[in-house]
N, C-alpha and C. Protein backbone atom coordinates (compact mmCIF):
# COMPACT_ATOMS: atom_id res chain seq x y z
N MET A 1 5.40 1.41 6.71
CA MET A 1 4.49 2.20 7.53
C MET A 1 3.31 2.63 6.66
N LYS A 2 2.11 2.53 7.22
CA LYS A 2 0.90 2.97 6.53
C LYS A 2 0.30 4.14 7.30
N TYR A 3 -0.40 5.01 6.57
CA TYR A 3 -0.87 6.27 7.13
C TYR A 3 -2.35 6.49 6.84
N THR A 4 -2.98 7.24 7.73
CA THR A 4 -4.33 7.74 7.50
C THR A 4 -4.29 9.25 7.68
N LEU A 5 -4.91 9.97 6.78
CA LEU A 5 -4.83 11.43 6.77
C LEU A 5 -6.05 12.06 7.42
N ASP A 6 -5.79 13.07 8.23
CA ASP A 6 -6.85 13.91 8.75
C ASP A 6 -7.28 14.85 7.63
N SER A 7 -8.50 15.34 7.70
CA SER A 7 -9.00 16.22 6.64
C SER A 7 -8.16 17.48 6.50
N ASN A 8 -7.56 17.98 7.59
CA ASN A 8 -6.79 19.22 7.48
C ASN A 8 -5.58 19.06 6.57
N ILE A 9 -5.07 17.85 6.42
CA ILE A 9 -3.93 17.63 5.52
C ILE A 9 -4.35 17.89 4.08
N LEU A 10 -5.46 17.33 3.68
CA LEU A 10 -5.93 17.51 2.30
C LEU A 10 -6.41 18.94 2.04
N ILE A 11 -7.08 19.52 3.02
CA ILE A 11 -7.54 20.90 2.87
C ILE A 11 -6.34 21.84 2.72
N ASN A 12 -5.30 21.62 3.54
CA ASN A 12 -4.08 22.44 3.43
C ASN A 12 -3.37 22.21 2.11
N MET A 13 -3.34 20.96 1.64
CA MET A 13 -2.72 20.69 0.34
C MET A 13 -3.43 21.48 -0.75
N GLU A 14 -4.75 21.44 -0.73
CA GLU A 14 -5.52 22.14 -1.75
C GLU A 14 -5.26 23.66 -1.68
N ARG A 15 -5.19 24.18 -0.47
CA ARG A 15 -5.02 25.62 -0.28
C ARG A 15 -3.58 26.09 -0.49
N LEU A 16 -2.62 25.34 0.05
CA LEU A 16 -1.22 25.77 0.05
C LEU A 16 -0.39 25.19 -1.09
N TYR A 17 -0.78 24.01 -1.57
CA TYR A 17 -0.02 23.30 -2.61
C TYR A 17 -0.97 22.88 -3.74
N PRO A 18 -1.55 23.84 -4.43
CA PRO A 18 -2.55 23.50 -5.46
C PRO A 18 -1.98 22.56 -6.51
N ARG A 19 -2.83 21.67 -6.94
CA ARG A 19 -2.42 20.60 -7.86
C ARG A 19 -1.79 21.14 -9.14
N GLU A 20 -2.30 22.23 -9.66
CA GLU A 20 -1.77 22.75 -10.92
C GLU A 20 -0.33 23.26 -10.79
N ILE A 21 0.12 23.51 -9.57
CA ILE A 21 1.50 23.96 -9.34
C ILE A 21 2.36 22.83 -8.77
N PHE A 22 1.81 22.06 -7.82
CA PHE A 22 2.55 21.00 -7.13
C PHE A 22 2.09 19.62 -7.63
N VAL A 23 2.18 19.44 -8.93
CA VAL A 23 1.70 18.22 -9.57
C VAL A 23 2.34 16.98 -8.96
N SER A 24 3.64 17.03 -8.75
CA SER A 24 4.34 15.83 -8.27
C SER A 24 3.89 15.43 -6.86
N LEU A 25 3.59 16.38 -6.01
CA LEU A 25 3.11 16.06 -4.66
C LEU A 25 1.81 15.28 -4.74
N TRP A 26 0.87 15.76 -5.53
CA TRP A 26 -0.42 15.09 -5.67
C TRP A 26 -0.26 13.73 -6.33
N ASP A 27 0.64 13.63 -7.30
CA ASP A 27 0.90 12.34 -7.94
C ASP A 27 1.47 11.33 -6.94
N LEU A 28 2.34 11.80 -6.06
CA LEU A 28 2.93 10.91 -5.05
C LEU A 28 1.87 10.41 -4.06
N ILE A 29 0.98 11.30 -3.65
CA ILE A 29 -0.11 10.88 -2.77
C ILE A 29 -0.98 9.84 -3.47
N GLU A 30 -1.30 10.09 -4.73
CA GLU A 30 -2.11 9.14 -5.49
C GLU A 30 -1.42 7.80 -5.62
N ASP A 31 -0.10 7.80 -5.82
CA ASP A 31 0.65 6.56 -5.92
C ASP A 31 0.59 5.78 -4.60
N LEU A 32 0.78 6.47 -3.48
CA LEU A 32 0.69 5.81 -2.18
C LEU A 32 -0.70 5.23 -1.97
N ALA A 33 -1.72 5.97 -2.36
CA ALA A 33 -3.10 5.49 -2.21
C ALA A 33 -3.32 4.23 -3.05
N SER A 34 -2.80 4.21 -4.25
CA SER A 34 -3.00 3.05 -5.12
C SER A 34 -2.32 1.80 -4.56
N ARG A 35 -1.30 2.00 -3.73
CA ARG A 35 -0.60 0.88 -3.11
C ARG A 35 -1.13 0.57 -1.70
N GLY A 36 -2.16 1.31 -1.27
CA GLY A 36 -2.75 1.06 0.05
C GLY A 36 -1.93 1.58 1.21
N GLU A 37 -0.99 2.46 0.93
CA GLU A 37 -0.11 2.96 1.99
C GLU A 37 -0.62 4.23 2.66
N VAL A 38 -1.56 4.90 2.02
CA VAL A 38 -2.17 6.09 2.61
C VAL A 38 -3.65 6.07 2.26
N CYS A 39 -4.47 6.52 3.22
CA CYS A 39 -5.91 6.52 2.99
C CYS A 39 -6.57 7.56 3.88
N ILE A 40 -7.86 7.68 3.71
CA ILE A 40 -8.70 8.46 4.61
C ILE A 40 -9.85 7.56 5.03
N CYS A 41 -10.46 7.89 6.16
CA CYS A 41 -11.63 7.13 6.59
C CYS A 41 -12.89 7.81 6.04
N ASP A 42 -14.00 7.11 6.10
CA ASP A 42 -15.28 7.62 5.58
C ASP A 42 -15.65 8.98 6.17
N ALA A 43 -15.36 9.17 7.46
CA ALA A 43 -15.73 10.42 8.13
C ALA A 43 -14.97 11.61 7.54
N VAL A 44 -13.72 11.40 7.15
CA VAL A 44 -12.95 12.47 6.52
C VAL A 44 -13.54 12.79 5.15
N LEU A 45 -13.92 11.78 4.41
CA LEU A 45 -14.55 12.02 3.11
C LEU A 45 -15.82 12.85 3.28
N ARG A 46 -16.61 12.56 4.32
CA ARG A 46 -17.82 13.35 4.58
C ARG A 46 -17.47 14.80 4.89
N GLU A 47 -16.40 15.03 5.65
CA GLU A 47 -15.97 16.41 5.93
C GLU A 47 -15.57 17.13 4.66
N LEU A 48 -14.87 16.44 3.79
CA LEU A 48 -14.43 17.05 2.53
C LEU A 48 -15.62 17.43 1.65
N GLN A 49 -16.70 16.69 1.77
CA GLN A 49 -17.90 16.98 0.98
C GLN A 49 -18.47 18.35 1.31
N ARG A 50 -18.26 18.81 2.53
CA ARG A 50 -18.78 20.12 2.95
C ARG A 50 -17.96 21.28 2.39
N GLY A 51 -16.80 20.99 1.81
CA GLY A 51 -15.93 22.04 1.27
C GLY A 51 -16.39 22.57 -0.07
N ASP A 52 -15.71 23.61 -0.51
CA ASP A 52 -16.10 24.29 -1.75
C ASP A 52 -15.42 23.74 -3.00
N GLY A 53 -14.21 23.23 -2.89
CA GLY A 53 -13.43 22.87 -4.07
C GLY A 53 -13.71 21.50 -4.62
N ASP A 54 -12.77 21.02 -5.38
CA ASP A 54 -12.87 19.72 -6.04
C ASP A 54 -12.29 18.60 -5.19
N LEU A 55 -11.91 18.90 -3.98
CA LEU A 55 -11.22 17.94 -3.13
C LEU A 55 -12.03 16.68 -2.87
N HIS A 56 -13.30 16.85 -2.58
CA HIS A 56 -14.16 15.70 -2.31
C HIS A 56 -14.23 14.79 -3.54
N ALA A 57 -14.46 15.36 -4.71
CA ALA A 57 -14.55 14.56 -5.94
C ALA A 57 -13.23 13.84 -6.21
N TRP A 58 -12.12 14.53 -6.01
CA TRP A 58 -10.80 13.92 -6.21
C TRP A 58 -10.62 12.73 -5.27
N ALA A 59 -10.90 12.93 -3.99
CA ALA A 59 -10.71 11.87 -2.99
C ALA A 59 -11.65 10.70 -3.25
N LYS A 60 -12.86 11.00 -3.62
CA LYS A 60 -13.86 9.95 -3.84
C LYS A 60 -13.51 9.06 -5.03
N LYS A 61 -12.98 9.66 -6.08
CA LYS A 61 -12.68 8.87 -7.27
C LYS A 61 -11.32 8.17 -7.21
N LEU A 62 -10.50 8.51 -6.24
CA LEU A 62 -9.17 7.91 -6.12
C LEU A 62 -9.30 6.50 -5.55
N HIS A 63 -9.08 5.52 -6.40
CA HIS A 63 -9.28 4.11 -6.05
C HIS A 63 -8.47 3.71 -4.82
N GLY A 64 -9.16 3.15 -3.83
CA GLY A 64 -8.51 2.64 -2.63
C GLY A 64 -8.16 3.69 -1.60
N PHE A 65 -8.53 4.94 -1.85
CA PHE A 65 -8.14 6.02 -0.94
C PHE A 65 -9.04 6.10 0.28
N THR A 66 -10.33 5.85 0.12
CA THR A 66 -11.25 5.89 1.25
C THR A 66 -11.46 4.47 1.76
N CYS A 67 -11.09 4.28 3.02
CA CYS A 67 -11.24 2.96 3.63
C CYS A 67 -12.60 2.87 4.30
N PRO A 68 -13.29 1.77 4.11
CA PRO A 68 -14.61 1.61 4.74
C PRO A 68 -14.47 1.48 6.26
N THR A 69 -15.51 1.87 6.96
CA THR A 69 -15.53 1.77 8.41
C THR A 69 -15.85 0.34 8.83
N HIS A 70 -15.09 -0.14 9.80
CA HIS A 70 -15.31 -1.48 10.33
C HIS A 70 -15.97 -1.40 11.70
N ARG A 71 -16.58 -2.48 12.10
CA ARG A 71 -17.28 -2.56 13.39
C ARG A 71 -16.36 -2.19 14.55
N ASP A 72 -15.11 -2.67 14.54
CA ASP A 72 -14.18 -2.36 15.63
C ASP A 72 -13.90 -0.86 15.73
N GLU A 73 -13.91 -0.19 14.58
CA GLU A 73 -13.71 1.26 14.60
C GLU A 73 -14.89 1.94 15.29
N ALA A 74 -16.09 1.49 15.00
CA ALA A 74 -17.28 2.07 15.64
C ALA A 74 -17.23 1.84 17.15
N LEU A 75 -16.75 0.69 17.58
CA LEU A 75 -16.64 0.42 19.01
C LEU A 75 -15.60 1.33 19.66
N THR A 76 -14.51 1.58 18.96
CA THR A 76 -13.49 2.50 19.48
C THR A 76 -14.04 3.92 19.58
N VAL A 77 -14.79 4.34 18.57
CA VAL A 77 -15.41 5.67 18.60
C VAL A 77 -16.36 5.77 19.79
N LYS A 78 -17.09 4.71 20.05
CA LYS A 78 -18.00 4.68 21.21
C LYS A 78 -17.20 4.85 22.50
N ASP A 79 -16.07 4.15 22.62
CA ASP A 79 -15.21 4.29 23.81
C ASP A 79 -14.70 5.72 23.96
N ILE A 80 -14.26 6.31 22.85
CA ILE A 80 -13.75 7.68 22.88
C ILE A 80 -14.86 8.63 23.33
N ALA A 81 -16.06 8.45 22.80
CA ALA A 81 -17.19 9.31 23.16
C ALA A 81 -17.54 9.19 24.64
N GLU A 82 -17.43 7.98 25.17
CA GLU A 82 -17.71 7.79 26.60
C GLU A 82 -16.63 8.43 27.47
N ASP A 83 -15.37 8.35 27.04
CA ASP A 83 -14.25 8.93 27.79
C ASP A 83 -14.17 10.45 27.64
N HIS A 84 -14.66 10.97 26.52
CA HIS A 84 -14.56 12.41 26.23
C HIS A 84 -15.90 12.90 25.68
N PRO A 85 -16.92 12.96 26.53
CA PRO A 85 -18.29 13.24 26.05
C PRO A 85 -18.49 14.63 25.44
N ASP A 86 -17.63 15.58 25.74
CA ASP A 86 -17.81 16.93 25.20
C ASP A 86 -16.89 17.23 24.02
N TRP A 87 -16.15 16.24 23.55
CA TRP A 87 -15.18 16.49 22.48
C TRP A 87 -15.87 16.76 21.15
N VAL A 88 -16.81 15.92 20.78
CA VAL A 88 -17.53 16.10 19.51
C VAL A 88 -18.84 16.81 19.81
N ARG A 89 -19.02 17.96 19.17
CA ARG A 89 -20.24 18.74 19.34
C ARG A 89 -20.71 19.16 17.96
N GLY A 90 -21.76 18.49 17.49
CA GLY A 90 -22.24 18.77 16.14
C GLY A 90 -21.17 18.41 15.12
N ARG A 91 -20.81 19.38 14.29
CA ARG A 91 -19.76 19.14 13.29
C ARG A 91 -18.36 19.40 13.83
N ASP A 92 -18.26 20.01 15.01
CA ASP A 92 -16.94 20.26 15.60
C ASP A 92 -16.30 18.93 15.99
N ASN A 93 -15.14 18.66 15.44
CA ASN A 93 -14.36 17.45 15.72
C ASN A 93 -15.08 16.18 15.29
N GLU A 94 -16.06 16.29 14.43
CA GLU A 94 -16.90 15.15 14.06
C GLU A 94 -16.11 13.95 13.55
N ALA A 95 -15.11 14.17 12.71
CA ALA A 95 -14.36 13.06 12.13
C ALA A 95 -13.21 12.59 13.02
N ASP A 96 -12.80 13.41 13.96
CA ASP A 96 -11.58 13.11 14.73
C ASP A 96 -11.60 11.76 15.44
N PRO A 97 -12.65 11.39 16.14
CA PRO A 97 -12.64 10.06 16.77
C PRO A 97 -12.54 8.94 15.75
N TRP A 98 -13.13 9.14 14.58
CA TRP A 98 -13.06 8.13 13.52
C TRP A 98 -11.65 8.00 12.97
N VAL A 99 -10.95 9.13 12.86
CA VAL A 99 -9.56 9.10 12.39
C VAL A 99 -8.71 8.29 13.38
N ILE A 100 -8.91 8.54 14.66
CA ILE A 100 -8.15 7.81 15.68
C ILE A 100 -8.51 6.33 15.65
N ALA A 101 -9.79 6.03 15.59
CA ALA A 101 -10.23 4.64 15.56
C ALA A 101 -9.68 3.92 14.34
N HIS A 102 -9.67 4.60 13.21
CA HIS A 102 -9.13 4.01 11.99
C HIS A 102 -7.64 3.73 12.15
N GLY A 103 -6.91 4.71 12.69
CA GLY A 103 -5.48 4.50 12.93
C GLY A 103 -5.23 3.32 13.84
N LEU A 104 -6.01 3.23 14.90
CA LEU A 104 -5.85 2.14 15.87
C LEU A 104 -6.17 0.78 15.24
N GLN A 105 -7.33 0.67 14.64
CA GLN A 105 -7.78 -0.63 14.14
C GLN A 105 -7.03 -1.10 12.89
N GLU A 106 -6.51 -0.16 12.11
CA GLU A 106 -5.80 -0.53 10.89
C GLU A 106 -4.28 -0.47 11.08
N GLY A 107 -3.82 -0.09 12.28
CA GLY A 107 -2.38 0.01 12.54
C GLY A 107 -1.71 1.07 11.69
N ARG A 108 -2.39 2.19 11.51
CA ARG A 108 -1.88 3.29 10.68
C ARG A 108 -1.44 4.47 11.54
N VAL A 109 -0.47 5.19 11.05
CA VAL A 109 -0.02 6.44 11.66
C VAL A 109 -0.95 7.54 11.17
N ILE A 110 -1.40 8.39 12.08
CA ILE A 110 -2.27 9.52 11.72
C ILE A 110 -1.40 10.70 11.30
N VAL A 111 -1.75 11.30 10.18
CA VAL A 111 -1.09 12.52 9.71
C VAL A 111 -2.08 13.66 9.91
N THR A 112 -1.71 14.61 10.76
CA THR A 112 -2.57 15.76 11.06
C THR A 112 -1.71 16.96 11.40
N GLU A 113 -2.27 18.13 11.21
CA GLU A 113 -1.58 19.35 11.62
C GLU A 113 -2.06 19.85 12.98
N GLU A 114 -2.95 19.10 13.62
CA GLU A 114 -3.41 19.51 14.93
C GLU A 114 -2.27 19.45 15.94
N LYS A 115 -2.27 20.42 16.86
CA LYS A 115 -1.23 20.50 17.89
C LYS A 115 -1.77 19.96 19.20
N ARG A 116 -0.91 19.27 19.90
CA ARG A 116 -1.26 18.72 21.21
C ARG A 116 -1.60 19.86 22.16
N LYS A 117 -2.62 19.65 22.97
CA LYS A 117 -3.01 20.60 24.01
C LYS A 117 -2.35 20.19 25.32
N GLY A 118 -2.24 21.12 26.22
CA GLY A 118 -1.60 20.85 27.51
C GLY A 118 -2.48 20.04 28.45
N PRO A 119 -1.90 19.66 29.59
CA PRO A 119 -2.67 18.88 30.56
C PRO A 119 -3.87 19.67 31.09
N ASN A 120 -4.86 18.95 31.51
CA ASN A 120 -6.08 19.53 32.09
C ASN A 120 -6.89 20.36 31.08
N THR A 121 -6.72 20.08 29.81
CA THR A 121 -7.51 20.75 28.77
C THR A 121 -8.92 20.17 28.78
N ALA A 122 -9.90 21.04 28.71
CA ALA A 122 -11.30 20.60 28.68
C ALA A 122 -11.54 19.72 27.46
N ASP A 123 -12.46 18.76 27.59
CA ASP A 123 -12.77 17.84 26.49
C ASP A 123 -13.08 18.56 25.19
N ARG A 124 -13.84 19.63 25.26
CA ARG A 124 -14.25 20.32 24.03
C ARG A 124 -13.06 20.91 23.27
N ASN A 125 -11.91 21.06 23.95
CA ASN A 125 -10.72 21.64 23.33
C ASN A 125 -9.64 20.60 23.01
N GLN A 126 -9.93 19.34 23.20
CA GLN A 126 -8.94 18.30 22.94
C GLN A 126 -8.61 18.24 21.45
N ARG A 127 -7.48 17.67 21.14
CA ARG A 127 -7.03 17.50 19.76
C ARG A 127 -6.66 16.05 19.51
N ILE A 128 -6.58 15.69 18.25
CA ILE A 128 -6.25 14.31 17.87
C ILE A 128 -4.99 13.80 18.59
N PRO A 129 -3.89 14.55 18.63
CA PRO A 129 -2.70 13.99 19.29
C PRO A 129 -2.92 13.62 20.76
N ASN A 130 -3.73 14.38 21.47
CA ASN A 130 -4.00 14.07 22.87
C ASN A 130 -4.74 12.75 23.02
N ILE A 131 -5.83 12.61 22.29
CA ILE A 131 -6.66 11.42 22.42
C ILE A 131 -5.95 10.21 21.82
N ALA A 132 -5.27 10.40 20.69
CA ALA A 132 -4.57 9.28 20.04
C ALA A 132 -3.51 8.68 20.96
N SER A 133 -2.84 9.52 21.73
CA SER A 133 -1.80 8.99 22.62
C SER A 133 -2.38 8.06 23.68
N LYS A 134 -3.60 8.32 24.10
CA LYS A 134 -4.26 7.44 25.07
C LYS A 134 -4.51 6.05 24.49
N TYR A 135 -4.63 5.99 23.16
CA TYR A 135 -4.87 4.73 22.46
C TYR A 135 -3.60 4.19 21.81
N LYS A 136 -2.48 4.84 22.12
CA LYS A 136 -1.17 4.44 21.60
C LYS A 136 -1.12 4.43 20.06
N VAL A 137 -1.74 5.43 19.46
CA VAL A 137 -1.71 5.61 18.01
C VAL A 137 -0.73 6.74 17.71
N GLN A 138 0.23 6.45 16.86
CA GLN A 138 1.25 7.43 16.51
C GLN A 138 0.65 8.53 15.64
N VAL A 139 1.10 9.76 15.87
CA VAL A 139 0.64 10.93 15.13
C VAL A 139 1.86 11.70 14.62
N VAL A 140 1.83 12.10 13.36
CA VAL A 140 2.91 12.90 12.78
C VAL A 140 2.31 14.09 12.04
N LYS A 141 3.12 15.10 11.85
CA LYS A 141 2.75 16.27 11.05
C LYS A 141 3.02 15.96 9.57
N PHE A 142 2.49 16.80 8.70
CA PHE A 142 2.61 16.59 7.26
C PHE A 142 4.07 16.49 6.81
N PHE A 143 4.92 17.41 7.27
CA PHE A 143 6.31 17.38 6.81
C PHE A 143 7.07 16.18 7.36
N GLU A 144 6.69 15.67 8.53
CA GLU A 144 7.29 14.42 9.01
C GLU A 144 6.91 13.28 8.08
N PHE A 145 5.68 13.26 7.65
CA PHE A 145 5.20 12.26 6.69
C PHE A 145 5.98 12.35 5.38
N VAL A 146 6.14 13.57 4.86
CA VAL A 146 6.87 13.79 3.61
C VAL A 146 8.32 13.31 3.76
N LYS A 147 8.96 13.65 4.87
CA LYS A 147 10.35 13.22 5.11
C LYS A 147 10.44 11.70 5.20
N ALA A 148 9.47 11.07 5.87
CA ALA A 148 9.47 9.61 6.00
C ALA A 148 9.37 8.93 4.64
N GLN A 149 8.70 9.59 3.69
CA GLN A 149 8.59 9.04 2.34
C GLN A 149 9.86 9.26 1.52
N GLY A 150 10.72 10.17 2.01
CA GLY A 150 11.94 10.49 1.28
C GLY A 150 11.71 11.40 0.09
N TRP A 151 10.59 12.12 0.10
CA TRP A 151 10.25 12.99 -1.01
C TRP A 151 11.05 14.28 -0.95
N THR A 152 11.48 14.75 -2.10
CA THR A 152 12.07 16.08 -2.23
C THR A 152 11.44 16.74 -3.44
N PHE A 153 11.39 18.05 -3.42
CA PHE A 153 10.75 18.78 -4.51
C PHE A 153 11.67 19.89 -4.97
């Protein structure tokens, strides 16, 4: 199984599991990245650039971690935008369609902490799990991802 990470996963890791304390967690992520089993899309890297910490620099220098955007991903994002015109507004949810498109086109499971919204939720309030299910892209939470790797700490 291969995975693509939403920006909230890395932001939460930096905030809740700082590298200087949870060295092995960060090393395991780096190992998966080096083997092409986990990545982020370009849009997530751009979101990380807006942050305050060293996360963007870490992600950018990690070989093979950022996957380039392909034409098919852009077409999927276009479809998502047409189906959900109010979902992305400025920087709000900016990377989310790209995360879904990347998961779909690369056959990757999305790892995000976003929670599914109920039926009849307005487009502006949609979340990755809602839209991803329409495209049949699997979504898991961080601890499901950790369990699937068989990691213990």
